[in-house]
Structure formats: structure tokens, C-alpha cells
Amino acid sequence: MIKKLVLGLAVFSSLSCAISLNEALKLGLQYNTDVLSQKLNTKISEEKKKEAFGKFLPNMDLNANTNVGNVLAIPEDKTSFIFQKGHFSQWFFNLEQPIFSMPIFYNYKISKDELKAQKYLLTGIKTDVKIDIYDTYINALVLKHIIKVDKKEIKDFKRHLYNTKQMYKQGLVALKDILQTKVKLNQAKEKLAKDQGDYKIALQQLSNLIGKNVNNVQGTGIISNPLSNYSLKDLINIALKNRVILKYGKSMIQKAKDYEALARSAYLPTAYVQARYGYSDEIPGIPYYQDLLSAGLSWKMFSGLQRFHKIHQAFLAFKKSNVEYKNLENKIKLQVTSAYEQLITSEKDIALAHSELRDAKEHYKIASEKYKVGLGTNTDVMDAEDYLTQARTDVVKSKYYYVLSVYKLIEVVAYEQK
């Protein structure tokens, strides 16, 4: 009890402060509504399998009744022969055991296929949820750092506005420079407000994904790419081998094949044995007990063209499942290719962004110094500040989008999928 309380306080504390990526993933796989829904679908399939197995077991039923009515008799020469009492009771117990029934067998096999498919689908949904959490978390993290960039920009504009006002008092610059700087400052404040709103939206999206309220996200460092030695072709082959969603597709093909076999089994006979025991005092003065053991064979020889068309529908469904499996393969190939190319691009962007930032800082420094000595314009300073802000933003994006690309590639390849 104490351990549970401590754990609950720890989780609450982490959520009320800042949540880490690992915590978000753990909570998402536990509380995400898509995951919870699929877990229930899996449990339903388990119950359906048990229900289907129950059809192999004997059926037992008890029927007891009491009856009140007119006495039934045959009139003859002013006398009556009574063959049914006006009031009588009876009960019967029946036991029936199927011996041969292919529909029962295939229904059970289909339920096994369905359960297996739902388990595979659960793993597939978890993969999709993890990718969504990575995406949403990193985007929230990017926005969090862009807000810091916005604040730096506002700080720079405030400092420049102060310097411009001092220069205006000395008659070194025109009033339009002050007004221009104020406009840029207000635009920077507007951008900050927008990014803060977008950050709150991203946190709400993350909260929806993991099923818990999130108020802040922690940072995450640069991670190494464990798949750096693999070519795109190798990664696609690994994904086609490992992705559980393809196992789901294959199980759906098997399920469709079993449905076709089930439809064909309607042409086969069914056999059963039945035991019956009962009592009735329906005939006056002659109460009786009944013992009956019988074996039966049922074979529907012809039922129009219904069974033929049902088999053809099942065959078409089987072909459709093969097409859908091929579609799954194509989607996985596209996912891997997209993640791979994004990772290559993001690797290049990191170096370019840092180079861009160094140049932007130098450009801003030169533009500011020239403006102070009357060799440059205020527009040059404003443009240099815009370049600097964009460079700072690009550094943030390149860093975290690289991390996101690595995580996505690991997931779509199923590198760590169990």
C-alpha cells in the first residue's frame, strides 16, 4: 500500500512538473484509448474462442412442464375412452454430443485466427501510438525551445530600441527608426504569444495520447543511430521481417482461407449421438418413463445456389485479404523510406544549422556596429535580427528533428520490437 502511494506521488509529481519522453511512452502504452480499446478487442476474441470451443462439448437441456386442460376422449356407444388426462405433468432430460461437424471445427479455427490477429494488431497499434508520442513530444519540445528563441529576439529588440532612442536624442537617427523597431518588437511579441499557444495545444495533444494531463516536457539529448550501418534496402528487408502488423495481415489471410473452408463444409454431413430420459403421466393410469439412445446423421443435399454463392464470397474475401496484405507491405516500405530519407536530411541539417547560426551572429554583430557609427541602416539591423532568429530556430529544429527521425526509423523498422 505504501509502495503504491509513493509511486502515485512520484507519477503525480512528474506530471505536475515536466514529463520525460520515456515516461510519456510508458503512460501512453498503458492508458492510450486506442491501446485500451484494442486490449478489450483482444479479450473479446478470447471469449469468442472459448465460446467456439464450447460447441465441441455436449448439449444438455431439461424440459419440465405441467398442463391443465380438458380431458381428451374418443366417444363410442355413449362411453368415452380417455387417452389424455385433463391435468398431467412431464419432464425430459436430453443429452446430445456432436461427433462429426466440420462447421464447428472451422468456427473454432477461425476464432483462434481472430485471437492471434487481434494480438498482432495490438502490437501494431502500440507501434503507431509510440510514433505519435515521439512526434507530438518532440514537436512540443521544439516549441518549448522556440519560445526561448522568441524571448531572446524580444530581448534583442528591446536592447536595440533603447540604443535607437539614445541615438535619436543625439540626433543621429530619424524617428522612423524608433517606429520601425517598435513594430518589429510587437511582431516578436505576437509570435511569442502564438508559439506559447501552439505549445499548449501540443501539450494537450500529448495529454490525449498518453491519457494523463501534461503541463510541461523535459529535454532529450542527441541519440546515436543504431541503424547507421544498414542501407535502405537492408532496412526495408528488416522491417518486412520484423513488423508484427504483417503477421496480422498473414493471420487475416489464414482467417479468410478458413472462412472459405467453413463455407465448403456446408456440403458435408454432420453426425451426432443423443440420449433422452423422461417421465410423463399424460395417459390416465399409465405413467411411463422413457429411455432413448439414438445416433443421427444430417446431410443437406441441396439448398438452391445459396451455398455456392457463399463459397464464392469467401473466395473473393480471401483474394481481398491478399491484396490488403500487399498494401500493408507497400505502406511499410514507404514508412521506412520516408524515415530513412528524413534521417539523412536531418543529419545534414544539424551541421548546416550550426554554420548558419555562426554566420547569422556575425552578420548581426556587424550590422549593429555599422548602425551605431552611421554606416548602416536600421533595416539592416532588423534583417540581421530576423536571420539570427531563424538560425536559432533552425538549430533547435535540426537537433530535435534528428532525434525524432532516429526514433521513427527504429519503430518503423521494428528494430526493438518484441
Protein backbone atom coordinates (compact mmCIF):
# COMPACT_ATOMS: atom_id res chain seq x y z
CA MET A 1 0.00 0.00 0.00
CA ILE A 2 2.85 2.38 0.92
CA LYS A 3 4.74 1.49 -2.25
CA LYS A 4 1.65 2.23 -4.35
CA LEU A 5 1.20 5.58 -2.58
CA VAL A 6 4.85 6.54 -3.13
CA LEU A 7 4.63 5.51 -6.79
CA GLY A 8 1.41 7.51 -7.23
CA LEU A 9 3.02 10.60 -5.66
CA ALA A 10 6.06 10.20 -7.91
CA VAL A 11 3.92 9.99 -11.03
CA PHE A 12 1.84 12.97 -9.93
CA SER A 13 4.97 14.96 -9.19
CA SER A 14 6.47 14.18 -12.58
CA LEU A 15 3.28 15.09 -14.40
CA SER A 16 2.76 18.33 -12.48
CA CYS A 17 6.37 19.39 -13.33
CA ALA A 18 7.79 18.07 -16.60
CA ILE A 19 7.34 14.65 -18.13
CA SER A 20 10.18 12.79 -19.80
CA LEU A 21 9.90 11.02 -23.13
CA ASN A 22 10.24 7.60 -21.51
CA GLU A 23 7.51 8.43 -19.00
CA ALA A 24 5.24 9.57 -21.84
CA LEU A 25 5.83 6.32 -23.73
CA LYS A 26 5.17 4.21 -20.65
CA LEU A 27 1.94 6.03 -19.85
CA GLY A 28 0.84 6.01 -23.48
CA LEU A 29 1.20 2.24 -23.81
CA GLN A 30 -0.81 1.89 -20.62
CA TYR A 31 -3.55 4.49 -20.91
CA ASN A 32 -3.87 5.43 -24.59
CA THR A 33 -7.51 4.93 -25.62
CA ASP A 34 -6.61 3.13 -28.86
CA VAL A 35 -4.45 0.69 -26.90
CA LEU A 36 -7.14 0.19 -24.25
CA SER A 37 -9.77 -0.37 -26.95
CA GLN A 38 -7.63 -2.95 -28.72
CA LYS A 39 -6.91 -4.73 -25.44
CA LEU A 40 -10.67 -5.07 -24.99
CA ASN A 41 -10.99 -6.36 -28.56
CA THR A 42 -8.37 -8.99 -27.73
CA LYS A 43 -10.26 -10.05 -24.60
CA ILE A 44 -13.49 -10.26 -26.62
CA SER A 45 -11.70 -12.52 -29.10
CA GLU A 46 -10.52 -14.71 -26.23
CA GLU A 47 -14.12 -15.11 -25.08
CA LYS A 48 -15.25 -15.90 -28.64
CA LYS A 49 -12.62 -18.61 -28.85
CA LYS A 50 -13.89 -20.14 -25.61
CA GLU A 51 -17.44 -19.90 -26.93
CA ALA A 52 -16.44 -21.68 -30.14
CA PHE A 53 -14.68 -24.43 -28.19
CA GLY A 54 -17.83 -24.95 -26.14
CA LYS A 55 -19.59 -26.21 -29.27
CA PHE A 56 -17.44 -29.35 -29.12
CA LEU A 57 -18.96 -30.16 -25.73
CA PRO A 58 -22.31 -31.95 -25.27
CA ASN A 59 -25.57 -30.01 -25.15
CA MET A 60 -27.76 -30.74 -22.15
CA ASP A 61 -31.26 -29.48 -21.59
CA LEU A 62 -34.07 -30.20 -19.17
CA ASN A 63 -37.71 -29.59 -20.04
CA ALA A 64 -40.38 -29.86 -17.34
CA ASN A 65 -43.98 -28.76 -17.59
CA THR A 66 -47.39 -29.18 -16.03
CA ASN A 67 -50.57 -28.94 -18.06
CA VAL A 68 -54.22 -28.14 -17.29
CA GLY A 69 -56.95 -28.59 -19.89
CA ASN A 70 -59.93 -30.65 -21.00
CA VAL A 71 -59.90 -34.41 -20.86
CA LEU A 72 -59.36 -35.85 -24.35
CA ALA A 73 -61.53 -38.89 -25.14
CA ILE A 74 -62.96 -40.88 -28.07
CA PRO A 75 -66.83 -41.14 -27.83
CA GLU A 76 -68.15 -44.61 -28.70
CA ASP A 77 -71.63 -46.07 -27.83
CA LYS A 78 -72.31 -43.45 -25.18
CA THR A 79 -68.99 -44.22 -23.47
CA SER A 80 -65.71 -42.41 -23.57
CA PHE A 81 -62.20 -43.76 -23.83
CA ILE A 82 -59.89 -41.30 -22.15
CA PHE A 83 -56.38 -41.21 -23.67
CA GLN A 84 -55.16 -37.93 -22.09
CA LYS A 85 -55.79 -36.59 -18.64
CA GLY A 86 -57.06 -33.09 -18.14
CA HIS A 87 -54.16 -32.41 -15.79
CA PHE A 88 -50.75 -34.01 -16.20
CA SER A 89 -47.04 -33.34 -15.69
CA GLN A 90 -43.94 -34.44 -17.56
CA TRP A 91 -40.22 -33.84 -17.74
CA PHE A 92 -37.47 -34.81 -20.12
CA PHE A 93 -33.69 -34.63 -20.00
CA ASN A 94 -31.73 -34.60 -23.28
CA LEU A 95 -28.03 -35.03 -23.88
CA GLU A 96 -26.61 -34.53 -27.38
CA GLN A 97 -22.97 -34.87 -28.40
CA PRO A 98 -21.74 -33.86 -31.87
CA ILE A 99 -19.42 -36.48 -33.38
CA PHE A 100 -18.61 -35.04 -36.77
CA SER A 101 -19.26 -31.42 -37.69
CA MET A 102 -16.77 -29.55 -39.83
CA PRO A 103 -18.58 -26.21 -39.34
CA ILE A 104 -17.90 -26.49 -35.61
CA PHE A 105 -14.23 -27.26 -36.28
CA TYR A 106 -13.75 -24.36 -38.70
CA ASN A 107 -15.63 -21.90 -36.49
CA TYR A 108 -13.22 -22.79 -33.69
CA LYS A 109 -10.21 -22.43 -36.01
CA ILE A 110 -11.50 -19.06 -37.19
CA SER A 111 -11.81 -17.90 -33.58
CA LYS A 112 -8.17 -18.92 -33.00
CA ASP A 113 -7.11 -17.00 -36.11
CA GLU A 114 -9.06 -13.96 -34.91
CA LEU A 115 -7.46 -14.04 -31.46
CA LYS A 116 -3.99 -14.27 -32.98
CA ALA A 117 -4.82 -11.40 -35.35
CA GLN A 118 -6.05 -9.19 -32.51
CA LYS A 119 -2.85 -9.80 -30.54
CA TYR A 120 -0.76 -8.85 -33.56
CA LEU A 121 -2.94 -5.81 -34.13
CA LEU A 122 -2.42 -4.74 -30.52
CA THR A 123 1.33 -4.70 -31.07
CA GLY A 124 0.83 -2.78 -34.32
CA ILE A 125 -1.34 -0.18 -32.60
CA LYS A 126 1.28 0.20 -29.86
CA THR A 127 3.87 0.92 -32.55
CA ASP A 128 1.62 3.58 -34.10
CA VAL A 129 0.96 5.11 -30.67
CA LYS A 130 4.69 5.23 -29.90
CA ILE A 131 5.37 7.00 -33.21
CA ASP A 132 2.58 9.50 -32.46
CA ILE A 133 4.02 10.12 -28.98
CA TYR A 134 7.51 10.63 -30.39
CA ASP A 135 6.14 13.04 -32.97
CA THR A 136 3.96 15.02 -30.55
CA TYR A 137 6.54 15.07 -27.74
CA ILE A 138 9.39 16.28 -29.98
CA ASN A 139 7.18 18.92 -31.59
CA ALA A 140 6.21 20.15 -28.13
CA LEU A 141 9.87 20.20 -27.18
CA VAL A 142 10.73 22.18 -30.31
CA LEU A 143 8.02 24.72 -29.49
CA LYS A 144 9.29 24.97 -25.93
CA HIS A 145 12.76 25.93 -27.18
CA ILE A 146 11.42 28.19 -29.92
CA ILE A 147 9.66 30.12 -27.16
CA LYS A 148 13.12 30.67 -25.64
CA VAL A 149 14.32 31.88 -29.04
CA ASP A 150 11.34 34.25 -29.21
CA LYS A 151 12.24 35.67 -25.83
CA LYS A 152 15.83 36.22 -26.95
CA GLU A 153 14.54 38.03 -30.01
CA ILE A 154 12.33 40.26 -27.87
CA LYS A 155 15.29 40.96 -25.59
CA ASP A 156 17.44 41.88 -28.61
CA PHE A 157 14.77 44.21 -29.98
CA LYS A 158 14.31 45.87 -26.61
CA ARG A 159 18.04 46.48 -26.34
CA HIS A 160 18.16 47.81 -29.90
CA LEU A 161 15.13 50.03 -29.24
CA TYR A 162 16.87 51.53 -26.20
CA ASN A 163 20.02 52.22 -28.23
CA THR A 164 17.97 53.70 -31.06
CA LYS A 165 16.18 56.05 -28.69
CA GLN A 166 19.51 57.24 -27.28
CA MET A 167 20.84 57.83 -30.77
CA TYR A 168 17.66 59.71 -31.70
CA LYS A 169 18.14 62.03 -28.71
CA GLN A 170 21.60 62.77 -30.04
CA GLY A 171 20.15 63.47 -33.48
CA LEU A 172 21.98 60.57 -35.08
CA VAL A 173 18.92 58.72 -36.41
CA ALA A 174 15.43 59.51 -37.58
CA LEU A 175 12.17 58.88 -35.71
CA LYS A 176 11.20 56.24 -38.26
CA ASP A 177 13.97 54.00 -36.90
CA ILE A 178 12.30 54.01 -33.49
CA LEU A 179 8.90 53.32 -35.00
CA GLN A 180 10.31 50.54 -37.20
CA THR A 181 11.95 48.90 -34.19
CA LYS A 182 8.73 49.11 -32.16
CA VAL A 183 6.83 47.40 -34.99
CA LYS A 184 9.37 44.56 -35.08
CA LEU A 185 9.25 44.30 -31.28
CA ASN A 186 5.46 43.99 -31.31
CA GLN A 187 5.65 41.40 -34.08
CA ALA A 188 8.12 39.41 -31.99
CA LYS A 189 5.74 39.58 -29.02
CA GLU A 190 2.89 38.38 -31.22
CA LYS A 191 4.98 35.45 -32.42
CA LEU A 192 5.83 34.58 -28.80
CA ALA A 193 2.13 34.56 -27.90
CA LYS A 194 1.34 32.34 -30.89
CA ASP A 195 4.14 29.88 -30.11
CA GLN A 196 3.06 29.72 -26.47
CA GLY A 197 -0.46 28.88 -27.63
CA ASP A 198 0.85 26.24 -30.01
CA TYR A 199 2.90 24.77 -27.16
CA LYS A 200 -0.21 24.44 -25.00
CA ILE A 201 -2.00 22.75 -27.91
CA ALA A 202 0.90 20.32 -28.34
CA LEU A 203 0.80 19.52 -24.61
CA GLN A 204 -2.93 18.84 -24.85
CA GLN A 205 -2.32 16.55 -27.84
CA LEU A 206 0.29 14.70 -25.82
CA SER A 207 -2.11 14.50 -22.87
CA ASN A 208 -4.74 12.94 -25.12
CA LEU A 209 -2.23 10.40 -26.41
CA ILE A 210 -0.98 9.20 -23.03
CA GLY A 211 -4.25 9.55 -21.13
CA LYS A 212 -2.75 11.81 -18.45
CA ASN A 213 -2.54 15.58 -18.08
CA VAL A 214 0.83 17.03 -19.13
CA ASN A 215 1.91 20.57 -18.21
CA ASN A 216 5.49 20.52 -19.46
CA VAL A 217 8.05 18.35 -21.24
CA GLN A 218 11.66 17.66 -20.39
CA GLY A 219 14.54 17.90 -22.81
CA THR A 220 16.20 14.97 -24.55
CA GLY A 221 19.76 14.76 -25.78
CA ILE A 222 21.12 13.71 -29.16
CA ILE A 223 20.98 9.93 -29.53
CA SER A 224 23.12 7.70 -31.71
CA ASN A 225 21.59 5.89 -34.67
CA PRO A 226 21.87 2.10 -34.10
CA LEU A 227 20.93 1.51 -37.75
CA SER A 228 23.62 3.70 -39.32
CA ASN A 229 25.42 0.72 -40.89
CA TYR A 230 22.36 -0.51 -42.78
CA SER A 231 21.38 0.50 -46.30
CA LEU A 232 17.82 1.45 -47.20
CA LYS A 233 17.33 -1.94 -48.86
CA ASP A 234 18.55 -3.72 -45.71
CA LEU A 235 16.22 -1.67 -43.51
CA ILE A 236 13.22 -2.46 -45.69
CA ASN A 237 14.03 -6.18 -45.53
CA ILE A 238 14.38 -6.00 -41.74
CA ALA A 239 11.04 -4.22 -41.48
CA LEU A 240 9.29 -6.76 -43.72
CA LYS A 241 10.65 -9.50 -41.50
CA ASN A 242 10.03 -7.93 -38.10
CA ARG A 243 6.91 -5.78 -38.30
CA VAL A 244 4.16 -7.53 -36.38
CA ILE A 245 1.49 -5.78 -38.42
CA LEU A 246 2.50 -8.02 -41.33
CA LYS A 247 1.91 -11.05 -39.12
CA TYR A 248 -1.52 -9.59 -38.54
CA GLY A 249 -2.02 -9.41 -42.31
CA LYS A 250 -0.98 -13.05 -42.71
CA SER A 251 -3.33 -14.14 -39.94
CA MET A 252 -6.16 -12.33 -41.74
CA ILE A 253 -5.30 -14.26 -44.90
CA GLN A 254 -5.49 -17.51 -42.93
CA LYS A 255 -8.76 -16.43 -41.41
CA ALA A 256 -10.21 -15.74 -44.87
CA LYS A 257 -9.00 -19.16 -46.04
CA ASP A 258 -10.73 -20.81 -43.07
CA TYR A 259 -13.93 -18.93 -43.86
CA GLU A 260 -13.80 -20.39 -47.35
CA ALA A 261 -13.31 -23.88 -45.84
CA LEU A 262 -16.23 -23.21 -43.50
CA ALA A 263 -18.45 -22.32 -46.44
CA ARG A 264 -17.41 -25.53 -48.24
CA SER A 265 -18.09 -27.61 -45.12
CA ALA A 266 -21.81 -26.87 -45.56
CA TYR A 267 -21.77 -29.63 -48.21
CA LEU A 268 -20.60 -32.21 -45.64
CA PRO A 269 -22.89 -34.22 -43.33
CA THR A 270 -22.97 -33.85 -39.56
CA ALA A 271 -23.26 -36.74 -37.13
CA TYR A 272 -24.30 -36.87 -33.50
CA VAL A 273 -25.45 -39.17 -30.68
CA GLN A 274 -28.30 -38.32 -28.38
CA ALA A 275 -29.57 -39.71 -25.07
CA ARG A 276 -33.05 -38.94 -23.77
CA TYR A 277 -34.65 -39.76 -20.42
CA GLY A 278 -38.05 -38.57 -19.28
CA TYR A 279 -41.29 -39.12 -17.39
CA SER A 280 -44.93 -38.37 -18.20
CA ASP A 281 -48.32 -39.20 -16.63
CA GLU A 282 -50.19 -37.89 -19.66
CA ILE A 283 -52.09 -41.18 -20.20
CA PRO A 284 -54.50 -41.98 -17.35
CA GLY A 285 -53.32 -44.85 -15.22
CA ILE A 286 -50.28 -45.47 -17.35
CA PRO A 287 -47.46 -43.19 -16.25
CA TYR A 288 -44.27 -44.01 -18.11
CA TYR A 289 -40.57 -43.44 -18.14
CA GLN A 290 -38.67 -43.09 -21.40
CA ASP A 291 -35.10 -44.22 -22.08
CA LEU A 292 -33.83 -43.44 -25.56
CA LEU A 293 -30.40 -43.58 -27.12
CA SER A 294 -30.04 -42.58 -30.75
CA ALA A 295 -27.44 -41.72 -33.35
CA GLY A 296 -28.17 -39.28 -36.14
CA LEU A 297 -26.80 -38.17 -39.47
CA SER A 298 -27.83 -34.89 -41.07
CA TRP A 299 -26.92 -34.02 -44.64
CA LYS A 300 -28.40 -31.11 -46.52
CA MET A 301 -28.25 -32.31 -50.11
CA PHE A 302 -29.46 -29.19 -51.90
CA SER A 303 -30.34 -25.67 -50.87
CA GLY A 304 -30.60 -23.83 -54.12
CA LEU A 305 -27.48 -21.87 -55.05
CA GLN A 306 -27.02 -20.28 -51.63
CA ARG A 307 -24.01 -22.35 -50.62
CA PHE A 308 -22.31 -21.87 -53.99
CA HIS A 309 -22.54 -18.09 -53.74
CA LYS A 310 -21.44 -18.17 -50.11
CA ILE A 311 -18.31 -20.10 -51.12
CA HIS A 312 -17.65 -17.62 -53.92
CA GLN A 313 -17.99 -14.70 -51.47
CA ALA A 314 -15.49 -16.38 -49.16
CA PHE A 315 -13.09 -16.90 -52.08
CA LEU A 316 -13.33 -13.22 -53.02
CA ALA A 317 -12.71 -12.25 -49.38
CA PHE A 318 -9.59 -14.45 -49.45
CA LYS A 319 -8.32 -12.64 -52.56
CA LYS A 320 -9.08 -9.30 -50.91
CA SER A 321 -7.05 -10.26 -47.82
CA ASN A 322 -4.06 -10.98 -50.08
CA VAL A 323 -4.42 -7.56 -51.72
CA GLU A 324 -4.65 -5.90 -48.31
CA TYR A 325 -1.51 -7.72 -47.20
CA LYS A 326 0.33 -6.40 -50.25
CA ASN A 327 -0.93 -2.92 -49.36
CA LEU A 328 0.50 -3.33 -45.85
CA GLU A 329 3.87 -4.25 -47.32
CA ASN A 330 3.84 -1.18 -49.56
CA LYS A 331 2.93 1.08 -46.62
CA ILE A 332 5.81 -0.31 -44.57
CA LYS A 333 8.24 0.18 -47.45
CA LEU A 334 7.06 3.80 -47.74
CA GLN A 335 7.35 4.33 -43.97
CA VAL A 336 10.91 3.02 -43.90
CA THR A 337 11.95 5.00 -46.98
CA SER A 338 10.41 8.20 -45.59
CA ALA A 339 12.02 7.76 -42.15
CA TYR A 340 15.37 6.91 -43.73
CA GLU A 341 15.40 9.95 -46.01
CA GLN A 342 14.24 12.24 -43.20
CA LEU A 343 17.10 10.98 -41.04
CA ILE A 344 19.69 11.62 -43.77
CA THR A 345 18.28 15.13 -44.28
CA SER A 346 18.23 15.89 -40.56
CA GLU A 347 21.86 14.73 -40.18
CA LYS A 348 22.92 17.26 -42.82
CA ASP A 349 20.67 19.96 -41.33
CA ILE A 350 22.45 19.84 -37.95
CA ALA A 351 25.81 20.88 -39.41
CA LEU A 352 24.22 23.43 -41.74
CA ALA A 353 22.14 24.96 -38.95
CA HIS A 354 25.14 25.50 -36.67
CA SER A 355 27.09 27.03 -39.55
CA GLU A 356 24.10 29.24 -40.32
CA LEU A 357 23.92 30.34 -36.66
CA ARG A 358 27.60 31.32 -36.59
CA ASP A 359 27.21 33.39 -39.74
CA ALA A 360 23.96 34.98 -38.51
CA LYS A 361 25.59 36.04 -35.21
CA GLU A 362 28.48 37.62 -37.07
CA HIS A 363 26.11 39.29 -39.53
CA TYR A 364 24.03 40.75 -36.67
CA LYS A 365 27.14 41.97 -34.87
CA ILE A 366 28.44 43.73 -37.99
CA ALA A 367 25.03 45.25 -38.82
CA SER A 368 24.63 46.59 -35.27
CA GLU A 369 28.12 48.10 -35.16
CA LYS A 370 27.71 49.75 -38.56
CA TYR A 371 24.38 51.21 -37.49
CA LYS A 372 25.92 52.67 -34.33
CA VAL A 373 28.54 54.52 -36.30
CA GLY A 374 26.15 55.65 -39.03
CA LEU A 375 27.43 53.32 -41.76
CA GLY A 376 24.38 51.07 -41.79
CA THR A 377 20.59 51.36 -41.69
CA ASN A 378 18.07 50.24 -39.15
CA THR A 379 16.59 47.97 -41.80
CA ASP A 380 19.92 46.14 -42.00
CA VAL A 381 19.79 45.54 -38.24
CA MET A 382 16.19 44.34 -38.40
CA ASP A 383 17.01 41.95 -41.23
CA ALA A 384 20.07 40.66 -39.39
CA GLU A 385 17.94 40.04 -36.30
CA ASP A 386 15.44 38.09 -38.40
CA TYR A 387 18.26 35.99 -39.84
CA LEU A 388 19.63 35.36 -36.34
CA THR A 389 16.23 34.32 -35.00
CA GLN A 390 15.69 31.99 -37.94
CA ALA A 391 19.16 30.48 -37.44
CA ARG A 392 18.46 29.88 -33.73
CA THR A 393 15.16 28.26 -34.69
CA ASP A 394 16.83 26.08 -37.31
CA VAL A 395 19.38 24.85 -34.77
CA VAL A 396 16.59 23.81 -32.41
CA LYS A 397 14.61 22.10 -35.16
CA SER A 398 17.59 20.31 -36.67
CA LYS A 399 18.62 18.91 -33.29
CA TYR A 400 15.25 17.56 -32.22
CA TYR A 401 14.03 16.53 -35.65
CA TYR A 402 17.16 14.41 -35.92
CA VAL A 403 16.23 12.73 -32.65
CA LEU A 404 12.68 12.25 -33.93
CA SER A 405 13.95 10.74 -37.19
CA VAL A 406 16.08 8.20 -35.30
CA TYR A 407 13.18 7.15 -33.09
CA LYS A 408 10.83 6.87 -36.05
CA LEU A 409 13.27 4.77 -38.06
CA ILE A 410 13.75 2.40 -35.12
CA GLU A 411 10.00 1.96 -34.80
CA VAL A 412 9.12 1.54 -38.48
CA VAL A 413 11.92 -0.99 -38.90
CA ALA A 414 10.83 -2.74 -35.68
CA TYR A 415 14.44 -2.81 -34.54
CA GLU A 416 13.45 -3.29 -30.90
CA GLN A 417 10.00 -4.78 -31.44
CA LYS A 418 9.24 -7.92 -29.42
